[in-house]
């Protein structure tokens, strides 16, 4: 408790018989800086994380709904009232605000979007071999300071993915900028958020500008050729983010017997074939995916000799192969984060260990085990841990020899480890 101090004249001392009356004192606390409407003061930890480069403010950090509407621009401040960032407010979902600018004087207008799109284009021209690559990412959301929006190029066509309804206005403003900077034949928009009516089948991509795209567009990645559909609701048929993994498979596939699990449209199978694999077996639950894989072989000038396509559950296929003692020199595991079949449901976080154990039972000595994970919450440490647990169950020795991630057209802002969602690990099996 603070005690009041009496004041006296110069050189005076208090008299014991006549004590001076106590003065009531209070501790002065300066009021917090007043913030205008559309501004948010963040707690210390959240403010520090945001200042260090993390682009998201989570809803539980704010604690209460703002008066702003979804899609409004809001300013973010630290507890002392210092400006940190400007962002887009979302009334739904776990991310309440996505930071889009660190400049308190920058308006989020056509000029700001134009600067970001042109800067992203310059970086890719400097880092990518665009003369032999016609499918790559032009805008990688937070990494290009356009959070929640990605744009992929497939030849002369662009596909924009929008991950929140709060970004609808921003995505509409982005269309003429993309048109001016990249001169595409058309721009399609794919909404990757839940519709207002709840769950339902994902709608096809909508054409936002330009001419109607053909059902198949041929793109190239080095010696490989792929047929993609930019209007498809569940994906074009090619994942540009896995390019480093395909390059690694091509470099190491020569003379190997390759098993590609969850093969989808066969991009990694094609990578192995281009690299000189002796045999390639592609396993996917969807027979339609194999038809597109065969088409990619054809576009790349390769026949189907030495290729086998199996439409079945991956774990079931591996169990049968283990019973027949069929072995491989390279096994590729690239599962979706979640999947359902007649036989089982699959979750990466729950079931990856079982995949590793089963795969190791059909790996010959000296085989390479290539493990891909596409999930934010499944870290590289978790993947390596699951590799160890799976190897112990299979009673095999496994060494991690290479760790790959996202290619240069998928940049991450410093301070944003959550954005490093893709892991590709290559192991040598003893």
Protein backbone atom coordinates (compact mmCIF):
# COMPACT_ATOMS: atom_id res chain seq x y z
CA UNK A 1 0.00 0.00 0.00
CA UNK A 2 1.33 3.43 -0.90
CA UNK A 3 1.73 5.85 1.92
CA UNK A 4 1.18 9.60 1.52
CA UNK A 5 4.10 11.90 2.28
CA UNK A 6 3.37 15.21 4.06
CA UNK A 7 4.89 18.40 2.80
CA UNK A 8 6.61 20.89 5.04
CA UNK A 9 8.21 24.22 4.82
CA UNK A 10 11.89 24.48 4.25
CA UNK A 11 13.76 23.16 7.32
CA UNK A 12 10.55 22.35 9.27
CA UNK A 13 9.99 19.10 11.13
CA UNK A 14 6.62 17.66 12.16
CA UNK A 15 5.58 18.07 15.80
CA UNK A 16 4.63 14.81 17.50
CA UNK A 17 1.73 16.46 19.33
CA UNK A 18 0.35 18.02 16.18
CA UNK A 19 0.72 15.47 13.34
CA UNK A 20 -0.11 16.66 9.89
CA UNK A 21 -3.29 15.12 8.42
CA UNK A 22 -2.79 12.27 5.95
CA UNK A 23 -3.39 13.04 2.29
CA UNK A 24 -5.27 10.49 0.21
CA UNK A 25 -3.18 9.38 -2.76
CA UNK A 26 -4.09 7.43 -5.86
CA UNK A 27 -1.96 5.70 -8.49
CA UNK A 28 -2.43 7.39 -11.84
CA UNK A 29 -2.98 5.04 -14.77
CA UNK A 30 -2.94 6.59 -18.20
CA UNK A 31 -6.03 5.71 -20.24
CA UNK A 32 -5.37 3.52 -23.24
CA UNK A 33 -5.09 5.35 -26.53
CA UNK A 34 -8.45 5.85 -28.14
CA UNK A 35 -8.93 3.94 -31.35
CA UNK A 36 -11.33 4.81 -34.09
CA UNK A 37 -14.08 2.54 -35.34
CA UNK A 38 -12.78 -0.37 -37.37
CA UNK A 39 -9.70 -0.78 -35.19
CA UNK A 40 -8.66 -3.62 -32.91
CA UNK A 41 -6.24 -3.56 -29.99
CA UNK A 42 -4.64 -6.98 -29.59
CA UNK A 43 -3.32 -8.70 -26.47
CA UNK A 44 0.45 -8.68 -26.03
CA UNK A 45 1.18 -12.21 -27.31
CA UNK A 46 -1.03 -11.85 -30.37
CA UNK A 47 0.41 -8.41 -31.14
CA UNK A 48 3.97 -9.73 -30.88
CA UNK A 49 3.19 -12.67 -33.18
CA UNK A 50 1.56 -10.39 -35.72
CA UNK A 51 4.43 -7.90 -35.58
CA UNK A 52 6.87 -10.77 -36.24
CA UNK A 53 5.14 -11.57 -39.52
CA UNK A 54 2.32 -13.98 -38.74
CA UNK A 55 -0.57 -12.82 -40.97
CA UNK A 56 -3.55 -14.16 -39.00
CA UNK A 57 -5.49 -12.95 -35.97
CA UNK A 58 -7.56 -15.79 -34.57
CA UNK A 59 -11.12 -15.25 -33.44
CA UNK A 60 -10.52 -16.29 -29.84
CA UNK A 61 -7.87 -13.57 -29.62
CA UNK A 62 -10.40 -10.81 -30.25
CA UNK A 63 -12.93 -12.30 -27.87
CA UNK A 64 -15.98 -10.45 -29.17
CA UNK A 65 -17.48 -9.70 -32.58
CA UNK A 66 -16.53 -6.40 -34.13
CA UNK A 67 -19.10 -3.94 -35.41
CA UNK A 68 -17.45 -4.23 -38.82
CA UNK A 69 -18.99 -6.35 -41.57
CA UNK A 70 -17.28 -9.28 -43.20
CA UNK A 71 -14.81 -8.02 -45.78
CA UNK A 72 -14.23 -4.66 -44.09
CA UNK A 73 -10.70 -3.35 -43.69
CA UNK A 74 -9.64 -3.04 -40.03
CA UNK A 75 -6.49 -1.70 -38.38
CA UNK A 76 -4.62 -3.75 -35.80
CA UNK A 77 -2.75 -2.19 -32.86
CA UNK A 78 -0.64 -3.43 -29.98
CA UNK A 79 -1.73 -2.86 -26.33
CA UNK A 80 -0.03 0.55 -26.32
CA UNK A 81 -1.87 1.70 -29.42
CA UNK A 82 0.97 1.31 -31.92
CA UNK A 83 -0.10 0.34 -35.44
CA UNK A 84 0.95 -3.18 -36.52
CA UNK A 85 -1.03 -4.09 -39.62
CA UNK A 86 -4.13 -3.55 -41.72
CA UNK A 87 -6.32 -6.54 -42.49
CA UNK A 88 -9.56 -7.98 -43.84
CA UNK A 89 -12.19 -8.86 -41.26
CA UNK A 90 -14.08 -12.17 -41.42
CA UNK A 91 -17.23 -12.66 -39.37
CA UNK A 92 -17.01 -16.46 -39.59
CA UNK A 93 -14.31 -19.09 -39.29
CA UNK A 94 -11.37 -19.37 -36.88
CA UNK A 95 -9.37 -16.59 -38.60
CA UNK A 96 -10.96 -13.26 -37.70
CA UNK A 97 -8.52 -10.94 -39.50
CA UNK A 98 -6.03 -11.58 -42.33
CA UNK A 99 -3.26 -8.99 -42.45
CA UNK A 100 -2.78 -7.48 -45.89
CA UNK A 101 -0.55 -4.45 -45.24
CA UNK A 102 2.08 -3.32 -42.72
CA UNK A 103 1.99 0.29 -43.92
CA UNK A 104 -0.39 2.55 -41.98
CA UNK A 105 -0.56 4.91 -44.97
CA UNK A 106 -1.39 2.30 -47.64
CA UNK A 107 -4.96 2.12 -48.88
CA UNK A 108 -6.22 -1.27 -50.01
CA UNK A 109 -7.21 -0.12 -53.47
CA UNK A 110 -6.43 -0.90 -57.12
CA UNK A 111 -2.94 0.51 -56.76
CA UNK A 112 -2.13 -1.74 -53.79
CA UNK A 113 -3.34 -4.83 -55.64
CA UNK A 114 -1.41 -3.85 -58.76
CA UNK A 115 1.82 -3.44 -56.77
CA UNK A 116 1.43 -6.90 -55.20
CA UNK A 117 0.62 -8.70 -58.45
CA UNK A 118 3.53 -7.08 -60.30
CA UNK A 119 5.98 -7.80 -57.46
CA UNK A 120 4.87 -11.45 -57.43
CA UNK A 121 5.36 -11.67 -61.20
CA UNK A 122 8.89 -10.21 -60.99
CA UNK A 123 9.90 -12.71 -58.31
CA UNK A 124 8.70 -15.67 -60.35
CA UNK A 125 10.41 -14.49 -63.51
CA UNK A 126 13.65 -14.34 -61.55
CA UNK A 127 13.33 -17.73 -59.83
CA UNK A 128 11.38 -20.06 -62.14
CA UNK A 129 12.35 -21.63 -65.46
CA UNK A 130 9.19 -20.32 -67.10
CA UNK A 131 10.44 -21.30 -70.56
CA UNK A 132 9.94 -24.99 -69.63
CA UNK A 133 7.22 -24.54 -67.02
CA UNK A 134 3.67 -23.48 -67.92
CA UNK A 135 1.84 -24.54 -64.74
CA UNK A 136 2.81 -22.68 -61.57
CA UNK A 137 1.50 -20.39 -58.85
CA UNK A 138 1.27 -16.68 -59.61
CA UNK A 139 -0.13 -15.54 -56.25
CA UNK A 140 0.41 -17.52 -53.05
CA UNK A 141 -1.93 -15.81 -50.62
CA UNK A 142 -0.13 -14.64 -47.50
CA UNK A 143 3.29 -15.11 -49.14
CA UNK A 144 2.41 -12.49 -51.76
CA UNK A 145 0.52 -10.29 -49.28
CA UNK A 146 -2.90 -11.16 -50.70
CA UNK A 147 -4.10 -13.39 -47.85
CA UNK A 148 -6.67 -16.09 -48.43
CA UNK A 149 -6.37 -15.91 -52.23
CA UNK A 150 -4.20 -17.99 -54.55
CA UNK A 151 -3.86 -17.81 -58.34
CA UNK A 152 -2.43 -20.60 -60.51
CA UNK A 153 -1.40 -20.35 -64.13
CA UNK A 154 -2.17 -23.23 -66.48
CA UNK A 155 -0.87 -22.19 -69.87
CA UNK A 156 -2.87 -19.15 -70.93
CA UNK A 157 -5.57 -19.67 -68.28
CA UNK A 158 -5.67 -18.55 -64.66
CA UNK A 159 -7.50 -20.16 -61.74
CA UNK A 160 -8.11 -18.08 -58.61
CA UNK A 161 -8.94 -19.87 -55.35
CA UNK A 162 -10.79 -17.85 -52.71
CA UNK A 163 -10.76 -19.33 -49.19
CA UNK A 164 -13.26 -17.07 -47.42
CA UNK A 165 -16.48 -15.31 -48.35
CA UNK A 166 -15.03 -12.19 -46.69
CA UNK A 167 -12.57 -11.96 -49.59
CA UNK A 168 -15.19 -11.89 -52.35
CA UNK A 169 -14.89 -8.15 -52.93
CA UNK A 170 -11.10 -8.30 -52.92
CA UNK A 171 -11.10 -11.16 -55.42
CA UNK A 172 -13.41 -9.24 -57.74
CA UNK A 173 -11.05 -6.25 -57.62
CA UNK A 174 -8.13 -8.56 -58.38
CA UNK A 175 -9.54 -9.81 -61.70
CA UNK A 176 -8.79 -6.69 -63.81
CA UNK A 177 -5.32 -6.46 -62.24
CA UNK A 178 -4.51 -10.06 -63.20
CA UNK A 179 -5.85 -9.40 -66.68
CA UNK A 180 -3.63 -6.34 -67.14
CA UNK A 181 -0.45 -7.89 -65.72
CA UNK A 182 -0.63 -11.43 -67.14
CA UNK A 183 -2.82 -11.11 -70.27
CA UNK A 184 -4.53 -14.52 -69.91
CA UNK A 185 -7.18 -15.89 -72.23
CA UNK A 186 -9.53 -16.24 -69.28
CA UNK A 187 -9.71 -16.15 -65.47
CA UNK A 188 -11.68 -18.71 -63.46
CA UNK A 189 -12.61 -18.42 -59.78
CA UNK A 190 -12.94 -21.42 -57.47
CA UNK A 191 -14.65 -20.78 -54.11
CA UNK A 192 -12.99 -22.91 -51.46
CA UNK A 193 -15.27 -22.03 -48.56
CA UNK A 194 -18.50 -23.43 -47.23
CA UNK A 195 -21.63 -22.04 -48.94
CA UNK A 196 -24.20 -20.19 -46.86
CA UNK A 197 -26.54 -23.16 -47.05
CA UNK A 198 -23.98 -25.40 -45.34
CA UNK A 199 -22.25 -28.45 -46.73
CA UNK A 200 -22.85 -29.52 -50.29
CA UNK A 201 -21.03 -30.58 -53.44
CA UNK A 202 -18.38 -28.14 -54.53
CA UNK A 203 -19.42 -26.05 -57.51
CA UNK A 204 -17.38 -25.85 -60.71
CA UNK A 205 -15.08 -22.90 -61.14
CA UNK A 206 -16.83 -19.76 -62.42
CA UNK A 207 -15.46 -17.81 -65.34
CA UNK A 208 -14.78 -14.28 -64.11
CA UNK A 209 -13.39 -12.92 -67.36
CA UNK A 210 -12.41 -14.01 -70.86
CA UNK A 211 -13.28 -16.91 -73.12
CA UNK A 212 -14.58 -20.35 -72.19
CA UNK A 213 -11.69 -22.72 -71.53
CA UNK A 214 -11.48 -26.10 -73.28
CA UNK A 215 -12.04 -29.20 -71.18
CA UNK A 216 -8.38 -30.12 -71.53
CA UNK A 217 -5.47 -27.72 -71.46
CA UNK A 218 -2.00 -29.13 -72.03
CA UNK A 219 0.72 -27.79 -69.74
CA UNK A 220 4.36 -28.75 -69.42
CA UNK A 221 6.80 -29.24 -66.57
CA UNK A 222 10.20 -30.00 -68.01
CA UNK A 223 9.86 -33.22 -70.05
CA UNK A 224 6.42 -33.98 -68.64
CA UNK A 225 3.10 -32.99 -70.17
CA UNK A 226 -0.20 -32.89 -68.31
CA UNK A 227 -3.81 -32.43 -69.34
CA UNK A 228 -5.70 -30.21 -66.87
CA UNK A 229 -9.27 -28.96 -66.54
CA UNK A 230 -9.44 -25.45 -65.08
CA UNK A 231 -13.23 -25.66 -64.66
CA UNK A 232 -13.28 -28.83 -62.50
CA UNK A 233 -14.75 -28.40 -58.99
CA UNK A 234 -12.36 -30.78 -57.20
CA UNK A 235 -9.06 -29.73 -58.75
CA UNK A 236 -7.50 -29.27 -62.14
CA UNK A 237 -5.68 -32.62 -62.08
CA UNK A 238 -2.21 -31.27 -61.25
CA UNK A 239 -0.76 -29.97 -57.98
CA UNK A 240 1.91 -27.35 -58.75
CA UNK A 241 3.08 -27.37 -55.11
CA UNK A 242 4.44 -30.94 -55.39
CA UNK A 243 6.88 -30.03 -58.18
CA UNK A 244 9.99 -30.52 -56.01
CA UNK A 245 8.80 -34.02 -55.15
CA UNK A 246 8.27 -34.88 -58.82
CA UNK A 247 11.74 -33.61 -59.66
CA UNK A 248 13.26 -35.77 -56.91
CA UNK A 249 11.38 -38.88 -58.06
CA UNK A 250 12.57 -38.36 -61.65
CA UNK A 251 16.18 -38.00 -60.49
CA UNK A 252 16.09 -41.26 -58.48
CA UNK A 253 13.76 -43.58 -60.39
CA UNK A 254 16.17 -45.02 -62.97
CA UNK A 255 15.97 -48.80 -63.09
CA UNK A 256 13.64 -49.03 -60.10
CA UNK A 257 10.37 -50.87 -59.59
CA UNK A 258 8.05 -48.06 -58.42
CA UNK A 259 4.78 -48.25 -56.49
CA UNK A 260 2.79 -44.99 -56.38
CA UNK A 261 0.04 -45.03 -53.75
CA UNK A 262 -2.88 -42.56 -53.94
CA UNK A 263 -1.66 -41.88 -57.46
CA UNK A 264 -4.56 -39.57 -58.52
CA UNK A 265 -3.85 -38.47 -62.11
CA UNK A 266 -0.42 -40.11 -62.08
CA UNK A 267 1.88 -37.08 -61.92
CA UNK A 268 4.41 -38.88 -59.70
CA UNK A 269 4.04 -42.05 -61.78
CA UNK A 270 4.84 -40.01 -64.87
CA UNK A 271 7.82 -38.47 -63.06
CA UNK A 272 9.13 -41.97 -62.31
CA UNK A 273 8.61 -43.07 -65.93
CA UNK A 274 10.42 -40.00 -67.27
CA UNK A 275 13.26 -40.87 -64.90
CA UNK A 276 13.66 -44.34 -66.39
CA UNK A 277 11.78 -46.56 -63.94
CA UNK A 278 11.75 -50.23 -64.91
CA UNK A 279 8.18 -50.73 -63.68
CA UNK A 280 5.49 -48.36 -62.38
CA UNK A 281 2.37 -49.45 -60.48
CA UNK A 282 -0.24 -46.75 -59.78
CA UNK A 283 -2.86 -47.36 -57.07
CA UNK A 284 -5.89 -45.14 -56.58
CA UNK A 285 -9.45 -45.80 -55.43
CA UNK A 286 -10.87 -43.84 -58.40
CA UNK A 287 -10.77 -45.51 -61.80
CA UNK A 288 -11.41 -42.13 -63.48
CA UNK A 289 -8.09 -40.89 -62.10
CA UNK A 290 -6.28 -43.70 -63.92
CA UNK A 291 -7.86 -42.62 -67.21
CA UNK A 292 -6.30 -39.19 -66.78
CA UNK A 293 -2.98 -40.77 -65.79
CA UNK A 294 -2.97 -42.73 -69.04
CA UNK A 295 -3.71 -39.53 -70.91
CA UNK A 296 -0.72 -37.81 -69.28
CA UNK A 297 1.53 -40.64 -70.41
CA UNK A 298 0.20 -40.19 -73.93
CA UNK A 299 0.71 -36.41 -73.89
CA UNK A 300 4.30 -36.97 -72.71
CA UNK A 301 5.02 -39.33 -75.59
CA UNK A 302 5.16 -42.48 -73.46
CA UNK A 303 3.31 -45.75 -73.89
CA UNK A 304 1.73 -47.88 -71.17
CA UNK A 305 4.29 -50.67 -71.40
CA UNK A 306 5.69 -51.31 -67.92
CA UNK A 307 2.73 -49.54 -66.28
CA UNK A 308 0.03 -51.14 -64.15
CA UNK A 309 -3.06 -49.32 -62.88
CA UNK A 310 -4.97 -50.69 -59.87
CA UNK A 311 -8.28 -49.16 -58.77
CA UNK A 312 -8.52 -50.25 -55.11
CA UNK A 313 -7.83 -49.25 -51.51
CA UNK A 314 -4.09 -48.68 -50.94
CA UNK A 315 -3.83 -50.63 -47.66
CA UNK A 316 -5.70 -53.59 -49.14
CA UNK A 317 -3.42 -53.64 -52.19
CA UNK A 318 -0.27 -53.53 -50.04
CA UNK A 319 -1.51 -56.40 -47.87
CA UNK A 320 -2.06 -58.56 -50.95
CA UNK A 321 1.36 -57.66 -52.34
CA UNK A 322 3.01 -58.53 -49.02
CA UNK A 323 1.27 -61.94 -49.06
CA UNK A 324 2.64 -62.57 -52.56
CA UNK A 325 6.06 -61.19 -51.55
CA UNK A 326 5.99 -58.64 -54.34
CA UNK A 327 8.72 -56.08 -53.62
CA UNK A 328 9.55 -52.59 -54.92
CA UNK A 329 12.64 -50.39 -55.10
CA UNK A 330 10.67 -47.15 -54.62
CA UNK A 331 7.35 -46.65 -52.83
CA UNK A 332 5.61 -43.27 -52.96
CA UNK A 333 2.97 -42.37 -50.34
CA UNK A 334 0.99 -39.22 -51.15
CA UNK A 335 -2.40 -39.52 -49.44
CA UNK A 336 -5.11 -36.87 -49.17
CA UNK A 337 -5.62 -35.37 -45.72
CA UNK A 338 -8.93 -37.23 -45.52
CA UNK A 339 -10.43 -39.97 -47.68
CA UNK A 340 -13.32 -42.42 -47.62
CA UNK A 341 -13.81 -45.72 -49.40
CA UNK A 342 -16.17 -48.64 -49.04
CA UNK A 343 -13.62 -50.44 -46.90
CA UNK A 344 -12.45 -47.68 -44.56
CA UNK A 345 -12.05 -43.98 -43.85
CA UNK A 346 -8.58 -42.44 -43.80
CA UNK A 347 -7.05 -39.55 -41.87
CA UNK A 348 -3.43 -38.48 -42.28
CA UNK A 349 -2.97 -37.70 -38.60
CA UNK A 350 -4.47 -41.00 -37.47
CA UNK A 351 -3.42 -43.48 -40.15
CA UNK A 352 -0.10 -42.40 -41.69
CA UNK A 353 1.85 -44.74 -39.41
CA UNK A 354 -0.10 -47.73 -40.71
CA UNK A 355 0.67 -46.70 -44.30
CA UNK A 356 4.38 -46.58 -43.52
CA UNK A 357 4.35 -49.97 -41.81
CA UNK A 358 2.52 -51.58 -44.72
CA UNK A 359 4.76 -49.93 -47.33
CA UNK A 360 7.95 -51.09 -45.61
CA UNK A 361 6.79 -54.69 -45.80
CA UNK A 362 6.98 -54.51 -49.59
CA UNK A 363 10.21 -52.48 -49.83
CA UNK A 364 13.26 -54.38 -51.06
CA UNK A 365 16.63 -53.76 -49.41
CA UNK A 366 17.98 -50.42 -50.61
CA UNK A 367 14.54 -49.15 -51.62
CA UNK A 368 13.55 -45.51 -51.37
CA UNK A 369 10.42 -44.61 -49.42
CA UNK A 370 9.01 -41.23 -50.52
CA UNK A 371 6.47 -39.76 -48.09
CA UNK A 372 4.38 -36.69 -48.87
CA UNK A 373 2.07 -34.88 -46.44
CA UNK A 374 -0.22 -32.01 -47.36
CA UNK A 375 -1.63 -30.84 -44.02
CA UNK A 376 -0.97 -27.73 -41.90
CA UNK A 377 -1.35 -29.52 -38.59
CA UNK A 378 0.90 -32.46 -39.51
CA UNK A 379 4.38 -31.06 -38.99
CA UNK A 380 7.70 -32.31 -40.34
CA UNK A 381 8.59 -33.47 -36.82
CA UNK A 382 5.33 -35.45 -36.71
CA UNK A 383 6.08 -37.07 -40.06
CA UNK A 384 9.57 -38.14 -39.00
CA UNK A 385 8.16 -39.47 -35.73
CA UNK A 386 5.57 -41.51 -37.60
CA UNK A 387 8.31 -42.83 -39.87
CA UNK A 388 10.17 -44.07 -36.81
CA UNK A 389 7.09 -45.68 -35.28
CA UNK A 390 6.09 -47.28 -38.58
CA UNK A 391 9.62 -48.62 -39.12
CA UNK A 392 9.64 -50.15 -35.64
CA UNK A 393 6.35 -51.93 -36.30
CA UNK A 394 7.65 -53.27 -39.61
CA UNK A 395 11.01 -54.18 -38.02
CA UNK A 396 12.92 -52.27 -40.70
CA UNK A 397 15.72 -49.73 -40.48
CA UNK A 398 14.93 -46.43 -42.20
CA UNK A 399 17.15 -43.38 -42.74
CA UNK A 400 15.88 -39.96 -43.79
CA UNK A 401 18.13 -38.84 -46.65
CA UNK A 402 16.29 -35.82 -48.06
CA UNK A 403 13.66 -33.33 -46.94
CA UNK A 404 11.82 -31.17 -49.48
CA UNK A 405 9.12 -28.55 -49.22
CA UNK A 406 7.31 -25.97 -51.29
CA UNK A 407 8.88 -24.63 -54.51
CA UNK A 408 9.86 -21.00 -55.04
CA UNK A 409 6.45 -19.95 -56.39
CA UNK A 410 4.91 -20.81 -52.99
CA UNK A 411 6.69 -18.24 -50.77
CA UNK A 412 6.00 -17.88 -47.05
CA UNK A 413 6.26 -14.65 -45.07
CA UNK A 414 8.86 -14.80 -42.31
CA UNK A 415 7.19 -15.57 -39.00
CA UNK A 416 4.49 -17.80 -40.54
CA UNK A 417 5.40 -21.45 -39.84
CA UNK A 418 1.73 -22.44 -40.21
CA UNK A 419 2.05 -21.80 -43.93
CA UNK A 420 4.60 -24.58 -44.44
CA UNK A 421 1.94 -27.20 -45.09
CA UNK A 422 3.71 -29.47 -47.61
CA UNK A 423 6.41 -31.98 -46.62
CA UNK A 424 8.16 -34.47 -48.89
CA UNK A 425 10.65 -36.80 -47.19
CA UNK A 426 12.80 -39.42 -48.93
CA UNK A 427 14.06 -42.35 -46.87
CA UNK A 428 16.52 -45.13 -47.58
CA UNK A 429 15.32 -48.54 -46.39
CA UNK A 430 17.96 -51.00 -45.15
